[in-house]
Amino acid sequence: MAMAAASIGGALGFLAPRRRGVSFAAAVGRRRPSLAVVRAASYEAGVGVMATKVGMMTYFDPENGKPVPVTVVGFREGGNVVTQVKTAATDGYDAVQVGYHGVREDKLTRPELGHLGKASAPPLRHLQEFRLVAVDAFDPGQALEFNELFKEGDLVDVSAKSIGKGFQGGIKRHNFKRGLMTHGSKSHRALGSIGAGTTPGRVYKGKKMPGRMGGTKTKIRKLKIVRIDNDLKVVMIKGAIPGKQGNLLRITPAKIVGKNIPKS
């Protein structure tokens, strides 16, 4: 574990602030009753945090010595701070807005600094909302510590932007089978027929074809927390997490029907 700690410590060097800009959660308007049903199903099982992907490594279980592939997750300077508490009386819904990744003041605009100043929060680069059923336990300016919200063995949902792979063909993008490579075949990796010429006389929407691959928001559900290292301030989560090294992650308690989400 000494070598593993050293390798993690070296990989954490990129957690210093680099990029510019703040991503604010988009406001959702209320227009039709059908949207209320969608919003009701989007409640989080609990408040989450934002983190940064460090990389992957092999963790050996101390109980049985078996190797476990884990993704190492770190936290940038500034941590996670509650920047706003939204209630049904003031905003029409209950949610907790969390800020992450401390930066210099000159990296933000005056409206952004004013918004954070209301919560006595430091300049933070990223802001995201976690919609909850009740927000009584949270106050503006409150620091959220990962080891207080989660423990080893918990299941979490992790969402992030996947690695962009550019324009790809049908074989790589949709796992199509290639054609014959011999016997005079003229079709090797081409897409082939995409529809009838007479009926319907067009290509159906959603047809699997070559196009941009990756670079979209992806969520991996029910990943297990293997270890929480308070000394190195990193978390080891079993399995792979979307995105590349340095990506922003959104970690929330896993939604389990019948446990923290009603069956209806």
Protein backbone atom coordinates (compact mmCIF):
# COMPACT_ATOMS: atom_id res chain seq x y z
CA MET A 1 0.00 0.00 0.00
CA ALA A 2 2.99 2.33 0.47
CA MET A 3 3.75 2.17 -3.26
CA ALA A 4 0.07 2.62 -4.07
CA ALA A 5 -0.11 5.68 -1.81
CA ALA A 6 2.95 7.14 -3.48
CA SER A 7 1.49 6.64 -6.95
CA ILE A 8 -1.80 8.21 -5.91
CA GLY A 9 0.01 11.13 -4.32
CA GLY A 10 1.89 11.81 -7.55
CA ALA A 11 -1.30 11.59 -9.61
CA LEU A 12 -3.04 14.13 -7.37
CA GLY A 13 -0.72 16.88 -8.57
CA PHE A 14 -3.10 17.86 -11.39
CA LEU A 15 -5.85 18.81 -8.92
CA ALA A 16 -4.62 22.42 -8.85
CA PRO A 17 -7.02 24.95 -10.47
CA ARG A 18 -6.49 25.33 -14.23
CA ARG A 19 -9.60 26.04 -16.25
CA ARG A 20 -11.89 29.01 -16.27
CA GLY A 21 -15.65 29.22 -16.05
CA VAL A 22 -18.56 28.24 -13.81
CA SER A 23 -21.30 25.82 -14.79
CA PHE A 24 -24.64 26.74 -13.25
CA ALA A 25 -27.60 24.32 -13.12
CA ALA A 26 -30.21 25.21 -15.73
CA ALA A 27 -33.56 26.38 -14.42
CA VAL A 28 -36.54 24.20 -15.29
CA GLY A 29 -39.85 25.94 -16.02
CA ARG A 30 -43.27 24.64 -15.09
CA ARG A 31 -45.59 24.61 -18.06
CA ARG A 32 -47.41 21.31 -18.41
CA PRO A 33 -48.61 18.83 -15.76
CA SER A 34 -46.66 16.04 -17.51
CA LEU A 35 -43.38 17.74 -16.59
CA ALA A 36 -44.27 17.51 -12.91
CA VAL A 37 -44.27 13.72 -13.19
CA VAL A 38 -40.78 13.76 -14.69
CA ARG A 39 -39.49 16.07 -11.97
CA ALA A 40 -41.02 13.91 -9.27
CA ALA A 41 -39.02 10.95 -10.56
CA SER A 42 -35.77 12.96 -10.64
CA TYR A 43 -35.36 13.28 -6.87
CA GLU A 44 -31.97 12.20 -5.59
CA ALA A 45 -31.73 9.52 -2.93
CA GLY A 46 -29.64 12.00 -0.90
CA VAL A 47 -27.33 14.93 -1.31
CA GLY A 48 -24.20 14.20 -3.31
CA VAL A 49 -20.85 15.79 -3.97
CA MET A 50 -18.64 16.70 -6.89
CA ALA A 51 -15.17 15.24 -7.30
CA THR A 52 -12.34 14.82 -9.80
CA LYS A 53 -11.26 11.62 -11.52
CA VAL A 54 -7.61 10.78 -10.78
CA GLY A 55 -7.22 7.46 -12.61
CA MET A 56 -7.48 3.69 -12.21
CA MET A 57 -5.40 1.20 -10.24
CA THR A 58 -5.54 -2.26 -8.72
CA TYR A 59 -6.53 -2.51 -5.07
CA PHE A 60 -5.83 -5.74 -3.20
CA ASP A 61 -8.55 -6.68 -0.72
CA PRO A 62 -6.85 -7.05 2.71
CA GLU A 63 -9.30 -9.80 3.72
CA ASN A 64 -8.74 -12.28 0.88
CA GLY A 65 -5.91 -10.69 -1.16
CA LYS A 66 -7.97 -10.62 -4.37
CA PRO A 67 -7.26 -7.81 -6.84
CA VAL A 68 -10.07 -5.30 -7.33
CA PRO A 69 -10.07 -2.78 -10.21
CA VAL A 70 -10.86 0.61 -8.73
CA THR A 71 -11.12 4.20 -9.92
CA VAL A 72 -9.36 6.71 -7.67
CA VAL A 73 -11.39 9.87 -7.05
CA GLY A 74 -9.88 13.01 -5.52
CA PHE A 75 -11.11 16.42 -4.41
CA ARG A 76 -9.77 19.79 -5.50
CA GLU A 77 -8.97 22.64 -3.14
CA GLY A 78 -12.11 24.24 -1.74
CA GLY A 79 -14.07 21.01 -1.50
CA ASN A 80 -17.87 20.96 -1.65
CA VAL A 81 -19.79 23.82 -0.07
CA VAL A 82 -23.54 24.47 0.09
CA THR A 83 -24.05 27.71 -1.84
CA GLN A 84 -27.85 27.90 -1.84
CA VAL A 85 -30.82 26.12 -0.28
CA LYS A 86 -33.93 26.25 -2.46
CA THR A 87 -37.36 25.65 -0.96
CA ALA A 88 -40.85 25.27 -2.39
CA ALA A 89 -41.87 28.58 -0.83
CA THR A 90 -39.11 30.63 -2.49
CA ASP A 91 -38.21 28.70 -5.67
CA GLY A 92 -41.09 26.28 -6.25
CA TYR A 93 -39.09 23.15 -5.40
CA ASP A 94 -36.68 21.82 -2.78
CA ALA A 95 -33.02 21.50 -3.75
CA VAL A 96 -29.52 22.06 -2.46
CA GLN A 97 -27.02 23.87 -4.65
CA VAL A 98 -23.42 22.78 -4.07
CA GLY A 99 -20.25 24.53 -5.21
CA TYR A 100 -16.93 22.84 -5.92
CA HIS A 101 -13.32 23.64 -6.88
CA GLY A 102 -11.99 26.84 -5.34
CA VAL A 103 -10.49 29.45 -7.71
CA ARG A 104 -9.23 33.02 -7.55
CA GLU A 105 -11.78 35.84 -7.49
CA ASP A 106 -10.62 37.20 -10.84
CA LYS A 107 -11.72 33.93 -12.44
CA LEU A 108 -15.38 34.70 -11.73
CA THR A 109 -17.74 37.49 -12.71
CA ARG A 110 -19.25 39.96 -10.26
CA PRO A 111 -22.71 38.34 -10.37
CA GLU A 112 -21.14 34.97 -9.61
CA LEU A 113 -19.13 36.42 -6.73
CA GLY A 114 -22.24 38.13 -5.40
CA HIS A 115 -24.21 34.89 -5.52
CA LEU A 116 -21.51 33.02 -3.62
CA GLY A 117 -21.06 35.91 -1.19
CA LYS A 118 -24.66 35.55 -0.01
CA ALA A 119 -23.76 32.12 1.34
CA SER A 120 -20.37 33.29 2.68
CA ALA A 121 -18.82 30.76 0.32
CA PRO A 122 -15.37 31.13 -1.30
CA PRO A 123 -15.04 31.58 -5.08
CA LEU A 124 -16.00 28.24 -6.61
CA ARG A 125 -15.86 27.15 -10.23
CA HIS A 126 -18.67 24.57 -10.49
CA LEU A 127 -22.23 24.74 -9.18
CA GLN A 128 -24.72 21.88 -9.32
CA GLU A 129 -28.11 21.17 -7.77
CA PHE A 130 -29.26 18.09 -5.90
CA ARG A 131 -33.04 17.92 -5.74
CA LEU A 132 -34.22 16.45 -2.44
CA VAL A 133 -37.48 15.74 -0.65
CA ALA A 134 -36.39 17.74 2.43
CA VAL A 135 -33.66 20.38 2.79
CA ASP A 136 -34.04 21.23 6.50
CA ALA A 137 -30.65 19.74 7.40
CA PHE A 138 -28.64 22.07 5.14
CA ASP A 139 -27.54 25.68 5.54
CA PRO A 140 -25.73 28.03 3.14
CA GLY A 141 -21.97 27.91 3.64
CA GLN A 142 -22.05 24.39 5.08
CA ALA A 143 -19.11 22.20 4.06
CA LEU A 144 -19.94 18.71 2.78
CA GLU A 145 -17.37 16.05 3.66
CA PHE A 146 -17.42 12.81 1.69
CA ASN A 147 -16.63 10.60 4.70
CA GLU A 148 -19.61 12.09 6.54
CA LEU A 149 -22.06 11.45 3.71
CA PHE A 150 -20.79 8.03 2.59
CA LYS A 151 -19.03 5.05 4.11
CA GLU A 152 -17.12 2.08 2.75
CA GLY A 153 -19.44 -0.48 1.16
CA ASP A 154 -22.07 2.05 0.08
CA LEU A 155 -23.41 2.04 -3.47
CA VAL A 156 -23.23 5.27 -5.46
CA ASP A 157 -24.28 6.59 -8.85
CA VAL A 158 -21.51 8.41 -10.73
CA SER A 159 -22.20 10.62 -13.74
CA ALA A 160 -19.67 12.43 -15.92
CA LYS A 161 -18.91 13.36 -19.50
CA SER A 162 -17.60 10.35 -21.42
CA ILE A 163 -14.44 10.46 -23.51
CA GLY A 164 -15.11 11.83 -26.99
CA LYS A 165 -14.00 9.52 -29.81
CA GLY A 166 -14.87 11.72 -32.78
CA PHE A 167 -16.68 10.53 -35.92
CA GLN A 168 -16.79 6.72 -35.97
CA GLY A 169 -18.27 4.07 -38.21
CA GLY A 170 -21.02 1.60 -37.49
CA ILE A 171 -18.68 -1.22 -36.42
CA LYS A 172 -17.05 0.74 -33.60
CA ARG A 173 -20.07 2.86 -32.70
CA HIS A 174 -22.81 0.20 -32.77
CA ASN A 175 -20.86 -3.10 -32.83
CA PHE A 176 -21.96 -3.94 -36.39
CA LYS A 177 -20.56 -7.07 -38.05
CA ARG A 178 -18.19 -6.50 -40.97
CA GLY A 179 -18.59 -8.08 -44.36
CA LEU A 180 -16.43 -10.72 -46.04
CA MET A 181 -12.81 -9.74 -46.63
CA THR A 182 -12.35 -12.24 -49.51
CA HIS A 183 -14.23 -13.98 -52.37
CA GLY A 184 -14.74 -10.77 -54.30
CA SER A 185 -16.72 -9.01 -51.62
CA LYS A 186 -17.08 -5.27 -52.23
CA SER A 187 -18.47 -4.55 -48.74
CA HIS A 188 -16.05 -4.77 -45.82
CA ARG A 189 -16.81 -2.11 -43.20
CA ALA A 190 -19.50 -0.21 -45.10
CA LEU A 191 -22.88 0.31 -43.47
CA GLY A 192 -24.92 -1.38 -46.20
CA SER A 193 -28.64 -1.03 -46.84
CA ILE A 194 -30.45 1.43 -44.56
CA GLY A 195 -34.04 1.06 -45.75
CA ALA A 196 -36.45 0.08 -48.51
CA GLY A 197 -36.64 2.18 -51.68
CA THR A 198 -40.44 2.06 -52.14
CA THR A 199 -41.90 1.74 -48.68
CA PRO A 200 -41.44 3.84 -46.62
CA GLY A 201 -39.20 5.63 -49.13
CA ARG A 202 -37.14 7.30 -46.42
CA VAL A 203 -34.80 6.53 -43.53
CA TYR A 204 -36.39 6.10 -40.14
CA LYS A 205 -35.36 8.49 -37.37
CA GLY A 206 -32.93 6.98 -34.89
CA LYS A 207 -31.35 4.64 -37.42
CA LYS A 208 -27.98 3.36 -36.22
CA MET A 209 -25.46 4.95 -38.54
CA PRO A 210 -21.93 6.39 -38.39
CA GLY A 211 -21.61 9.60 -36.41
CA ARG A 212 -20.12 11.34 -33.39
CA MET A 213 -19.27 8.89 -30.62
CA GLY A 214 -18.75 9.69 -26.97
CA GLY A 215 -18.52 13.13 -25.40
CA THR A 216 -21.95 12.84 -23.75
CA LYS A 217 -23.14 12.78 -20.16
CA THR A 218 -23.08 9.19 -18.89
CA LYS A 219 -24.15 7.70 -15.58
CA ILE A 220 -22.88 4.44 -14.11
CA ARG A 221 -25.18 3.14 -11.40
CA LYS A 222 -24.63 1.14 -8.23
CA LEU A 223 -20.85 1.31 -7.96
CA LYS A 224 -19.38 0.15 -4.65
CA ILE A 225 -17.13 2.32 -2.50
CA VAL A 226 -14.13 0.10 -1.72
CA ARG A 227 -12.08 2.44 0.43
CA ILE A 228 -12.10 6.00 1.80
CA ASP A 229 -8.58 7.26 2.54
CA ASN A 230 -8.85 10.33 4.79
CA ASP A 231 -5.05 10.85 4.87
CA LEU A 232 -4.68 11.13 1.08
CA LYS A 233 -8.22 12.55 0.72
CA VAL A 234 -9.12 10.09 -2.02
CA VAL A 235 -11.89 7.57 -2.56
CA MET A 236 -11.58 4.22 -4.34
CA ILE A 237 -14.69 3.14 -6.24
CA LYS A 238 -14.93 -0.32 -7.77
CA GLY A 239 -15.12 -0.42 -11.54
CA ALA A 240 -14.77 2.16 -14.29
CA ILE A 241 -16.10 5.70 -14.23
CA PRO A 242 -16.89 7.76 -17.35
CA GLY A 243 -14.42 10.35 -18.58
CA LYS A 244 -10.71 10.91 -18.61
CA GLN A 245 -8.25 11.93 -15.93
CA GLY A 246 -9.23 15.30 -14.46
CA ASN A 247 -12.93 15.04 -15.37
CA LEU A 248 -15.58 16.51 -13.13
CA LEU A 249 -17.69 13.80 -11.44
CA ARG A 250 -21.10 13.92 -9.80
CA ILE A 251 -21.44 11.32 -7.04
CA THR A 252 -24.82 10.64 -5.44
CA PRO A 253 -26.27 7.82 -3.32
CA ALA A 254 -27.47 5.00 -5.53
CA LYS A 255 -31.21 4.93 -6.19
CA ILE A 256 -32.62 1.63 -5.01
CA VAL A 257 -36.34 1.04 -5.55
CA GLY A 258 -38.07 0.03 -2.33
CA LYS A 259 -35.21 1.26 -0.14
CA ASN A 260 -34.69 4.95 -0.75
CA ILE A 261 -37.13 5.37 -3.66
CA PRO A 262 -40.80 4.33 -3.40
CA LYS A 263 -41.98 1.55 -5.73
CA SER A 264 -44.73 3.75 -7.11
